[in-house]
Structure formats: C-alpha cells, structure tokens
PDB file of N, CA and C in Angstrom:
ATOM      1  N   MET A   1      24.198   6.011 -40.310  1.00  0.00           N
ATOM      2  CA  MET A   1      25.212   7.027 -40.455  1.00  0.00           C
ATOM      3  C   MET A   1      24.727   8.387 -39.945  1.00  0.00           C
ATOM      4  N   LYS A   2      23.439   8.690 -40.189  1.00  0.00           N
ATOM      5  CA  LYS A   2      22.879   9.961 -39.739  1.00  0.00           C
ATOM      6  C   LYS A   2      22.911  10.058 -38.214  1.00  0.00           C
ATOM      7  N   HIS A   3      22.603   8.934 -37.531  1.00  0.00           N
ATOM      8  CA  HIS A   3      22.618   8.930 -36.069  1.00  0.00           C
ATOM      9  C   HIS A   3      24.035   9.129 -35.539  1.00  0.00           C
ATOM     10  N   LEU A   4      25.002   8.522 -36.185  1.00  0.00           N
ATOM     11  CA  LEU A   4      26.397   8.664 -35.774  1.00  0.00           C
ATOM     12  C   LEU A   4      26.844  10.117 -35.925  1.00  0.00           C
ATOM     13  N   ARG A   5      26.460  10.744 -37.021  1.00  0.00           N
ATOM     14  CA  ARG A   5      26.813  12.147 -37.245  1.00  0.00           C
ATOM     15  C   ARG A   5      26.179  13.037 -36.176  1.00  0.00           C
ATOM     16  N   SER A   6      24.923  12.781 -35.841  1.00  0.00           N
ATOM     17  CA  SER A   6      24.243  13.556 -34.798  1.00  0.00           C
ATOM     18  C   SER A   6      24.930  13.365 -33.447  1.00  0.00           C
ATOM     19  N   LEU A   7      25.273  12.131 -33.142  1.00  0.00           N
ATOM     20  CA  LEU A   7      25.947  11.824 -31.880  1.00  0.00           C
ATOM     21  C   LEU A   7      27.300  12.526 -31.809  1.00  0.00           C
ATOM     22  N   LEU A   8      28.045  12.493 -32.893  1.00  0.00           N
ATOM     23  CA  LEU A   8      29.339  13.166 -32.918  1.00  0.00           C
ATOM     24  C   LEU A   8      29.198  14.680 -32.780  1.00  0.00           C
ATOM     25  N   THR A   9      28.172  15.246 -33.401  1.00  0.00           N
ATOM     26  CA  THR A   9      27.924  16.687 -33.293  1.00  0.00           C
ATOM     27  C   THR A   9      27.628  17.070 -31.856  1.00  0.00           C
ATOM     28  N   VAL A  10      26.772  16.305 -31.192  1.00  0.00           N
ATOM     29  CA  VAL A  10      26.432  16.572 -29.794  1.00  0.00           C
ATOM     30  C   VAL A  10      27.672  16.432 -28.912  1.00  0.00           C
ATOM     31  N   ALA A  11      28.455  15.394 -29.136  1.00  0.00           N
ATOM     32  CA  ALA A  11      29.666  15.173 -28.341  1.00  0.00           C
ATOM     33  C   ALA A  11      30.656  16.314 -28.536  1.00  0.00           C
ATOM     34  N   LEU A  12      30.811  16.775 -29.769  1.00  0.00           N
ATOM     35  CA  LEU A  12      31.727  17.880 -30.051  1.00  0.00           C
ATOM     36  C   LEU A  12      31.256  19.164 -29.377  1.00  0.00           C
ATOM     37  N   CYS A  13      29.986  19.445 -29.458  1.00  0.00           N
ATOM     38  CA  CYS A  13      29.446  20.649 -28.811  1.00  0.00           C
ATOM     39  C   CYS A  13      29.639  20.589 -27.296  1.00  0.00           C
ATOM     40  N   ALA A  14      29.404  19.437 -26.713  1.00  0.00           N
ATOM     41  CA  ALA A  14      29.585  19.277 -25.265  1.00  0.00           C
ATOM     42  C   ALA A  14      31.041  19.456 -24.877  1.00  0.00           C
ATOM     43  N   ALA A  15      31.932  18.927 -25.682  1.00  0.00           N
ATOM     44  CA  ALA A  15      33.366  19.018 -25.376  1.00  0.00           C
ATOM     45  C   ALA A  15      33.887  20.446 -25.503  1.00  0.00           C
ATOM     46  N   LEU A  16      33.331  21.224 -26.412  1.00  0.00           N
ATOM     47  CA  LEU A  16      33.818  22.575 -26.652  1.00  0.00           C
ATOM     48  C   LEU A  16      33.083  23.648 -25.858  1.00  0.00           C
ATOM     49  N   SER A  17      32.001  23.287 -25.202  1.00  0.00           N
ATOM     50  CA  SER A  17      31.222  24.299 -24.486  1.00  0.00           C
ATOM     51  C   SER A  17      31.926  24.728 -23.207  1.00  0.00           C
ATOM     52  N   ALA A  18      31.695  25.964 -22.826  1.00  0.00           N
ATOM     53  CA  ALA A  18      32.273  26.507 -21.588  1.00  0.00           C
ATOM     54  C   ALA A  18      31.507  25.935 -20.399  1.00  0.00           C
ATOM     55  N   PRO A  19      32.149  25.887 -19.234  1.00  0.00           N
ATOM     56  CA  PRO A  19      31.440  25.415 -18.049  1.00  0.00           C
ATOM     57  C   PRO A  19      30.200  26.273 -17.788  1.00  0.00           C
ATOM     58  N   ALA A  20      29.132  25.645 -17.384  1.00  0.00           N
ATOM     59  CA  ALA A  20      27.880  26.362 -17.128  1.00  0.00           C
ATOM     60  C   ALA A  20      27.824  26.820 -15.677  1.00  0.00           C
ATOM     61  N   TRP A  21      27.292  27.996 -15.465  1.00  0.00           N
ATOM     62  CA  TRP A  21      26.977  28.449 -14.122  1.00  0.00           C
ATOM     63  C   TRP A  21      25.541  28.002 -13.897  1.00  0.00           C
ATOM     64  N   ALA A  22      25.386  26.803 -13.368  1.00  0.00           N
ATOM     65  CA  ALA A  22      24.106  26.117 -13.338  1.00  0.00           C
ATOM     66  C   ALA A  22      23.007  26.896 -12.629  1.00  0.00           C
ATOM     67  N   TRP A  23      23.338  27.586 -11.568  1.00  0.00           N
ATOM     68  CA  TRP A  23      22.283  28.292 -10.846  1.00  0.00           C
ATOM     69  C   TRP A  23      22.031  29.648 -11.471  1.00  0.00           C
ATOM     70  N   GLY A  24      23.001  30.501 -11.466  1.00  0.00           N
ATOM     71  CA  GLY A  24      22.822  31.826 -12.032  1.00  0.00           C
ATOM     72  C   GLY A  24      21.746  32.622 -11.317  1.00  0.00           C
ATOM     73  N   ARG A  25      21.527  33.829 -11.788  1.00  0.00           N
ATOM     74  CA  ARG A  25      20.545  34.736 -11.179  1.00  0.00           C
ATOM     75  C   ARG A  25      19.129  34.153 -11.255  1.00  0.00           C
ATOM     76  N   THR A  26      18.756  33.605 -12.396  1.00  0.00           N
ATOM     77  CA  THR A  26      17.400  33.070 -12.573  1.00  0.00           C
ATOM     78  C   THR A  26      17.156  31.866 -11.675  1.00  0.00           C
ATOM     79  N   GLY A  27      18.133  30.964 -11.600  1.00  0.00           N
ATOM     80  CA  GLY A  27      17.987  29.784 -10.753  1.00  0.00           C
ATOM     81  C   GLY A  27      17.855  30.141  -9.286  1.00  0.00           C
ATOM     82  N   HIS A  28      18.678  31.080  -8.817  1.00  0.00           N
ATOM     83  CA  HIS A  28      18.587  31.510  -7.422  1.00  0.00           C
ATOM     84  C   HIS A  28      17.233  32.157  -7.147  1.00  0.00           C
ATOM     85  N   ARG A  29      16.778  32.977  -8.074  1.00  0.00           N
ATOM     86  CA  ARG A  29      15.483  33.652  -7.900  1.00  0.00           C
ATOM     87  C   ARG A  29      14.345  32.631  -7.817  1.00  0.00           C
ATOM     88  N   LEU A  30      14.379  31.639  -8.685  1.00  0.00           N
ATOM     89  CA  LEU A  30      13.345  30.604  -8.682  1.00  0.00           C
ATOM     90  C   LEU A  30      13.335  29.826  -7.368  1.00  0.00           C
ATOM     91  N   VAL A  31      14.503  29.441  -6.890  1.00  0.00           N
ATOM     92  CA  VAL A  31      14.579  28.702  -5.620  1.00  0.00           C
ATOM     93  C   VAL A  31      14.057  29.565  -4.477  1.00  0.00           C
ATOM     94  N   ALA A  32      14.377  30.853  -4.471  1.00  0.00           N
ATOM     95  CA  ALA A  32      13.881  31.753  -3.426  1.00  0.00           C
ATOM     96  C   ALA A  32      12.356  31.857  -3.467  1.00  0.00           C
ATOM     97  N   GLU A  33      11.794  31.916  -4.654  1.00  0.00           N
ATOM     98  CA  GLU A  33      10.334  31.995  -4.775  1.00  0.00           C
ATOM     99  C   GLU A  33       9.666  30.713  -4.282  1.00  0.00           C
ATOM    100  N   VAL A  34      10.239  29.579  -4.627  1.00  0.00           N
ATOM    101  CA  VAL A  34       9.687  28.296  -4.151  1.00  0.00           C
ATOM    102  C   VAL A  34       9.809  28.209  -2.630  1.00  0.00           C
ATOM    103  N   ALA A  35      10.973  28.596  -2.105  1.00  0.00           N
ATOM    104  CA  ALA A  35      11.173  28.566  -0.649  1.00  0.00           C
ATOM    105  C   ALA A  35      10.159  29.462   0.052  1.00  0.00           C
ATOM    106  N   TRP A  36       9.953  30.660  -0.484  1.00  0.00           N
ATOM    107  CA  TRP A  36       9.002  31.601   0.113  1.00  0.00           C
ATOM    108  C   TRP A  36       7.603  30.982   0.163  1.00  0.00           C
ATOM    109  N   ASP A  37       7.216  30.305  -0.901  1.00  0.00           N
ATOM    110  CA  ASP A  37       5.887  29.686  -0.962  1.00  0.00           C
ATOM    111  C   ASP A  37       5.711  28.568   0.060  1.00  0.00           C
ATOM    112  N   HIS A  38       6.812  28.016   0.567  1.00  0.00           N
ATOM    113  CA  HIS A  38       6.730  26.912   1.524  1.00  0.00           C
ATOM    114  C   HIS A  38       7.020  27.332   2.971  1.00  0.00           C
ATOM    115  N   MET A  39       7.236  28.610   3.191  1.00  0.00           N
ATOM    116  CA  MET A  39       7.534  29.096   4.541  1.00  0.00           C
ATOM    117  C   MET A  39       6.254  29.345   5.326  1.00  0.00           C
ATOM    118  N   THR A  40       6.370  29.212   6.638  1.00  0.00           N
ATOM    119  CA  THR A  40       5.238  29.530   7.510  1.00  0.00           C
ATOM    120  C   THR A  40       5.067  31.048   7.551  1.00  0.00           C
ATOM    121  N   PRO A  41       3.883  31.518   7.931  1.00  0.00           N
ATOM    122  CA  PRO A  41       3.688  32.967   8.062  1.00  0.00           C
ATOM    123  C   PRO A  41       4.678  33.599   9.049  1.00  0.00           C
ATOM    124  N   GLU A  42       4.999  32.881  10.111  1.00  0.00           N
ATOM    125  CA  GLU A  42       5.949  33.397  11.100  1.00  0.00           C
ATOM    126  C   GLU A  42       7.347  33.553  10.487  1.00  0.00           C
ATOM    127  N   ALA A  43       7.776  32.559   9.723  1.00  0.00           N
ATOM    128  CA  ALA A  43       9.086  32.623   9.075  1.00  0.00           C
ATOM    129  C   ALA A  43       9.117  33.752   8.051  1.00  0.00           C
ATOM    130  N   LYS A  44       8.033  33.911   7.288  1.00  0.00           N
ATOM    131  CA  LYS A  44       7.967  34.996   6.307  1.00  0.00           C
ATOM    132  C   LYS A  44       8.094  36.357   6.988  1.00  0.00           C
ATOM    133  N   ALA A  45       7.442  36.511   8.134  1.00  0.00           N
ATOM    134  CA  ALA A  45       7.509  37.780   8.866  1.00  0.00           C
ATOM    135  C   ALA A  45       8.932  38.063   9.339  1.00  0.00           C
ATOM    136  N   GLN A  46       9.624  37.044   9.796  1.00  0.00           N
ATOM    137  CA  GLN A  46      11.000  37.235  10.258  1.00  0.00           C
ATOM    138  C   GLN A  46      11.929  37.586   9.101  1.00  0.00           C
ATOM    139  N   VAL A  47      11.767  36.905   7.970  1.00  0.00           N
ATOM    140  CA  VAL A  47      12.591  37.204   6.796  1.00  0.00           C
ATOM    141  C   VAL A  47      12.314  38.620   6.311  1.00  0.00           C
ATOM    142  N   GLN A  48      11.053  39.007   6.251  1.00  0.00           N
ATOM    143  CA  GLN A  48      10.702  40.347   5.777  1.00  0.00           C
ATOM    144  C   GLN A  48      11.242  41.411   6.716  1.00  0.00           C
ATOM    145  N   ALA A  49      11.283  41.112   8.025  1.00  0.00           N
ATOM    146  CA  ALA A  49      11.868  42.063   8.976  1.00  0.00           C
ATOM    147  C   ALA A  49      13.350  42.284   8.681  1.00  0.00           C
ATOM    148  N   LEU A  50      14.035  41.239   8.246  1.00  0.00           N
ATOM    149  CA  LEU A  50      15.455  41.363   7.899  1.00  0.00           C
ATOM    150  C   LEU A  50      15.665  42.080   6.569  1.00  0.00           C
ATOM    151  N   LEU A  51      14.793  41.808   5.599  1.00  0.00           N
ATOM    152  CA  LEU A  51      14.995  42.318   4.247  1.00  0.00           C
ATOM    153  C   LEU A  51      14.372  43.685   3.985  1.00  0.00           C
ATOM    154  N   GLY A  52      13.451  44.096   4.829  1.00  0.00           N
ATOM    155  CA  GLY A  52      12.775  45.376   4.602  1.00  0.00           C
ATOM    156  C   GLY A  52      11.913  45.314   3.354  1.00  0.00           C
ATOM    157  N   LYS A  53      12.132  46.233   2.419  1.00  0.00           N
ATOM    158  CA  LYS A  53      11.302  46.301   1.219  1.00  0.00           C
ATOM    159  C   LYS A  53      11.692  45.284   0.149  1.00  0.00           C
ATOM    160  N   GLU A  54      12.863  44.661   0.291  1.00  0.00           N
ATOM    161  CA  GLU A  54      13.304  43.692  -0.714  1.00  0.00           C
ATOM    162  C   GLU A  54      12.680  42.322  -0.450  1.00  0.00           C
ATOM    163  N   SER A  55      12.597  41.522  -1.492  1.00  0.00           N
ATOM    164  CA  SER A  55      12.085  40.158  -1.346  1.00  0.00           C
ATOM    165  C   SER A  55      13.249  39.173  -1.386  1.00  0.00           C
ATOM    166  N   MET A  56      13.007  37.951  -0.971  1.00  0.00           N
ATOM    167  CA  MET A  56      14.035  36.926  -1.060  1.00  0.00           C
ATOM    168  C   MET A  56      14.477  36.741  -2.495  1.00  0.00           C
ATOM    169  N   ALA A  57      13.539  36.775  -3.421  1.00  0.00           N
ATOM    170  CA  ALA A  57      13.877  36.613  -4.841  1.00  0.00           C
ATOM    171  C   ALA A  57      14.784  37.747  -5.319  1.00  0.00           C
ATOM    172  N   ASP A  58      14.559  38.962  -4.812  1.00  0.00           N
ATOM    173  CA  ASP A  58      15.375  40.111  -5.222  1.00  0.00           C
ATOM    174  C   ASP A  58      16.831  39.974  -4.785  1.00  0.00           C
ATOM    175  N   ILE A  59      17.068  39.364  -3.645  1.00  0.00           N
ATOM    176  CA  ILE A  59      18.424  39.291  -3.105  1.00  0.00           C
ATOM    177  C   ILE A  59      19.046  37.903  -3.228  1.00  0.00           C
ATOM    178  N   ALA A  60      18.352  36.980  -3.867  1.00  0.00           N
ATOM    179  CA  ALA A  60      18.774  35.576  -3.899  1.00  0.00           C
ATOM    180  C   ALA A  60      20.163  35.360  -4.477  1.00  0.00           C
ATOM    181  N   SER A  61      20.597  36.172  -5.403  1.00  0.00           N
ATOM    182  CA  SER A  61      21.916  35.965  -5.998  1.00  0.00           C
ATOM    183  C   SER A  61      22.956  36.927  -5.444  1.00  0.00           C
ATOM    184  N   TRP A  62      22.634  37.618  -4.360  1.00  0.00           N
ATOM    185  CA  TRP A  62      23.561  38.562  -3.746  1.00  0.00           C
ATOM    186  C   TRP A  62      24.896  37.893  -3.405  1.00  0.00           C
ATOM    187  N   ALA A  63      24.849  36.699  -2.853  1.00  0.00           N
ATOM    188  CA  ALA A  63      26.085  36.031  -2.451  1.00  0.00           C
ATOM    189  C   ALA A  63      27.004  35.768  -3.639  1.00  0.00           C
ATOM    190  N   ASP A  64      26.443  35.503  -4.809  1.00  0.00           N
ATOM    191  CA  ASP A  64      27.268  35.315  -6.004  1.00  0.00           C
ATOM    192  C   ASP A  64      28.025  36.601  -6.341  1.00  0.00           C
ATOM    193  N   ALA A  65      27.340  37.726  -6.294  1.00  0.00           N
ATOM    194  CA  ALA A  65      27.975  39.001  -6.601  1.00  0.00           C
ATOM    195  C   ALA A  65      29.028  39.345  -5.546  1.00  0.00           C
ATOM    196  N   TYR A  66      28.742  39.098  -4.295  1.00  0.00           N
ATOM    197  CA  TYR A  66      29.681  39.385  -3.207  1.00  0.00           C
ATOM    198  C   TYR A  66      30.912  38.496  -3.294  1.00  0.00           C
ATOM    199  N   LEU A  67      30.715  37.256  -3.696  1.00  0.00           N
ATOM    200  CA  LEU A  67      31.798  36.283  -3.750  1.00  0.00           C
ATOM    201  C   LEU A  67      32.917  36.718  -4.694  1.00  0.00           C
ATOM    202  N   ALA A  68      32.575  37.448  -5.728  1.00  0.00           N
ATOM    203  CA  ALA A  68      33.561  37.833  -6.745  1.00  0.00           C
ATOM    204  C   ALA A  68      34.805  38.492  -6.144  1.00  0.00           C
ATOM    205  N   GLY A  69      34.667  39.336  -5.165  1.00  0.00           N
ATOM    206  CA  GLY A  69      35.817  39.995  -4.565  1.00  0.00           C
ATOM    207  C   GLY A  69      36.145  39.514  -3.168  1.00  0.00           C
ATOM    208  N   ASN A  70      35.465  38.485  -2.717  1.00  0.00           N
ATOM    209  CA  ASN A  70      35.604  38.031  -1.342  1.00  0.00           C
ATOM    210  C   ASN A  70      35.639  36.510  -1.271  1.00  0.00           C
ATOM    211  N   ARG A  71      36.643  35.910  -1.887  1.00  0.00           N
ATOM    212  CA  ARG A  71      36.724  34.448  -1.976  1.00  0.00           C
ATOM    213  C   ARG A  71      36.775  33.770  -0.602  1.00  0.00           C
ATOM    214  N   GLN A  72      37.188  34.488   0.432  1.00  0.00           N
ATOM    215  CA  GLN A  72      37.282  33.885   1.756  1.00  0.00           C
ATOM    216  C   GLN A  72      35.912  33.496   2.305  1.00  0.00           C
ATOM    217  N   THR A  73      34.846  34.015   1.716  1.00  0.00           N
ATOM    218  CA  THR A  73      33.498  33.680   2.185  1.00  0.00           C
ATOM    219  C   THR A  73      32.872  32.528   1.407  1.00  0.00           C
ATOM    220  N   MET A  74      33.627  31.897   0.526  1.00  0.00           N
ATOM    221  CA  MET A  74      33.072  30.851  -0.330  1.00  0.00           C
ATOM    222  C   MET A  74      32.388  29.732   0.471  1.00  0.00           C
ATOM    223  N   GLN A  75      32.977  29.319   1.583  1.00  0.00           N
ATOM    224  CA  GLN A  75      32.400  28.232   2.374  1.00  0.00           C
ATOM    225  C   GLN A  75      31.093  28.628   3.046  1.00  0.00           C
ATOM    226  N   TRP A  76      30.783  29.912   3.093  1.00  0.00           N
ATOM    227  CA  TRP A  76      29.516  30.354   3.671  1.00  0.00           C
ATOM    228  C   TRP A  76      28.396  30.326   2.636  1.00  0.00           C
ATOM    229  N   HIS A  77      28.753  30.117   1.390  1.00  0.00           N
ATOM    230  CA  HIS A  77      27.828  30.260   0.272  1.00  0.00           C
ATOM    231  C   HIS A  77      26.950  29.033   0.038  1.00  0.00           C
ATOM    232  N   PHE A  78      27.383  27.880   0.496  1.00  0.00           N
ATOM    233  CA  PHE A  78      26.636  26.662   0.212  1.00  0.00           C
ATOM    234  C   PHE A  78      26.852  25.649   1.333  1.00  0.00           C
ATOM    235  N   VAL A  79      26.045  24.608   1.337  1.00  0.00           N
ATOM    236  CA  VAL A  79      26.166  23.519   2.298  1.00  0.00           C
ATOM    237  C   VAL A  79      26.114  22.213   1.522  1.00  0.00           C
ATOM    238  N   ASN A  80      27.069  21.343   1.745  1.00  0.00           N
ATOM    239  CA  ASN A  80      27.044  20.009   1.147  1.00  0.00           C
ATOM    240  C   ASN A  80      26.475  19.043   2.174  1.00  0.00           C
ATOM    241  N   ILE A  81      25.354  18.455   1.845  1.00  0.00           N
ATOM    242  CA  ILE A  81      24.695  17.495   2.731  1.00  0.00           C
ATOM    243  C   ILE A  81      24.861  16.118   2.117  1.00  0.00           C
ATOM    244  N   PRO A  82      25.305  15.136   2.910  1.00  0.00           N
ATOM    245  CA  PRO A  82      25.491  13.790   2.364  1.00  0.00           C
ATOM    246  C   PRO A  82      24.195  13.234   1.768  1.00  0.00           C
ATOM    247  N   PRO A  83      24.298  12.413   0.720  1.00  0.00           N
ATOM    248  CA  PRO A  83      23.100  11.817   0.111  1.00  0.00           C
ATOM    249  C   PRO A  83      22.275  11.059   1.156  1.00  0.00           C
ATOM    250  N   GLY A  84      20.988  11.268   1.127  1.00  0.00           N
ATOM    251  CA  GLY A  84      20.077  10.575   2.040  1.00  0.00           C
ATOM    252  C   GLY A  84      20.001  11.187   3.425  1.00  0.00           C
ATOM    253  N   ALA A  85      20.786  12.220   3.702  1.00  0.00           N
ATOM    254  CA  ALA A  85      20.795  12.842   5.025  1.00  0.00           C
ATOM    255  C   ALA A  85      19.936  14.098   5.019  1.00  0.00           C
ATOM    256  N   THR A  86      19.626  14.583   6.190  1.00  0.00           N
ATOM    257  CA  THR A  86      18.963  15.873   6.341  1.00  0.00           C
ATOM    258  C   THR A  86      19.976  16.846   6.936  1.00  0.00           C
ATOM    259  N   TYR A  87      19.694  18.125   6.825  1.00  0.00           N
ATOM    260  CA  TYR A  87      20.609  19.158   7.315  1.00  0.00           C
ATOM    261  C   TYR A  87      20.858  18.987   8.806  1.00  0.00           C
ATOM    262  N   ASN A  88      22.123  19.036   9.178  1.00  0.00           N
ATOM    263  CA  ASN A  88      22.539  18.993  10.573  1.00  0.00           C
ATOM    264  C   ASN A  88      23.555  20.113  10.753  1.00  0.00           C
ATOM    265  N   ARG A  89      23.186  21.145  11.492  1.00  0.00           N
ATOM    266  CA  ARG A  89      24.043  22.331  11.604  1.00  0.00           C
ATOM    267  C   ARG A  89      25.446  21.980  12.101  1.00  0.00           C
ATOM    268  N   ASP A  90      25.548  21.142  13.106  1.00  0.00           N
ATOM    269  CA  ASP A  90      26.867  20.805  13.654  1.00  0.00           C
ATOM    270  C   ASP A  90      27.755  20.122  12.616  1.00  0.00           C
ATOM    271  N   ARG A  91      27.165  19.310  11.772  1.00  0.00           N
ATOM    272  CA  ARG A  91      27.933  18.584  10.762  1.00  0.00           C
ATOM    273  C   ARG A  91      28.133  19.413   9.489  1.00  0.00           C
ATOM    274  N   ASP A  92      27.114  20.150   9.073  1.00  0.00           N
ATOM    275  CA  ASP A  92      27.070  20.736   7.738  1.00  0.00           C
ATOM    276  C   ASP A  92      27.410  22.219   7.632  1.00  0.00           C
ATOM    277  N   CYS A  93      27.303  22.961   8.690  1.00  0.00           N
ATOM    278  CA  CYS A  93      27.457  24.415   8.595  1.00  0.00           C
ATOM    279  C   CYS A  93      28.865  24.867   8.969  1.00  0.00           C
ATOM    280  N   ARG A  94      29.478  25.582   8.037  1.00  0.00           N
ATOM    281  CA  ARG A  94      30.751  26.255   8.322  1.00  0.00           C
ATOM    282  C   ARG A  94      30.411  27.731   8.500  1.00  0.00           C
ATOM    283  N   CYS A  95      29.718  28.007   9.593  1.00  0.00           N
ATOM    284  CA  CYS A  95      29.123  29.330   9.799  1.00  0.00           C
ATOM    285  C   CYS A  95      30.094  30.374  10.297  1.00  0.00           C
ATOM    286  N   SER A  96      31.260  29.990  10.663  1.00  0.00           N
ATOM    287  CA  SER A  96      32.197  31.002  11.164  1.00  0.00           C
ATOM    288  C   SER A  96      33.406  31.078  10.250  1.00  0.00           C
ATOM    289  N   PRO A  97      34.030  32.251  10.217  1.00  0.00           N
ATOM    290  CA  PRO A  97      35.217  32.390   9.366  1.00  0.00           C
ATOM    291  C   PRO A  97      36.337  31.474   9.816  1.00  0.00           C
ATOM    292  N   GLY A  98      37.188  31.128   8.881  1.00  0.00           N
ATOM    293  CA  GLY A  98      38.326  30.333   9.304  1.00  0.00           C
ATOM    294  C   GLY A  98      38.906  29.475   8.266  1.00  0.00           C
TER     295      GLY A  98
END
C-alpha cells in the first residue's frame, strides 16, 4: 500500500507540474562551456573575434531572450537532426528567413 501511495503521489505531481524549460540559461551555459572545451585553437580564435570580450557561455542563452519578441526567428534557434545521422547543412539548416 505504501508503494501505491508513493506511485500515486509521483503521478499526481507529474500531472500537475508546469512544462519545464529543459535547457534554460544554465543548460545553455553548460553546453557552451563543453563546446568551448572541444574546439580547436583556430575555432576558438574565430569565435572570440566575433564575440569580443564576451564568452560563448555568457551569450549562450541570447537566442532565448531574443525569441520572446521575434517568433519569426524560431526556426533559426535549433536544428533537428534525424536519429543516427550527422549534421548536414543542406538537409538540416533553415539558415535563411522564410
């Protein structure tokens, strides 16, 4: 009976909880830090030339903030890659407005 009560409590909490913003500011920052650690020195230099004094981690959630008033850019915010595939710009990137 105790297990059933626990299971019902968990199910009720899950059913009543608000949708989660899974990435959020912290998640974006963490991914940017991991990405930075895996970049070549040449890639880091190019990114730093674009960002100036800011780091990738500092600006990682910028697109989320921008999206709030600019829904037309939503398709620029992410890329859906089929399971088991690698990124293919021609297939995966919606890089232009439209």
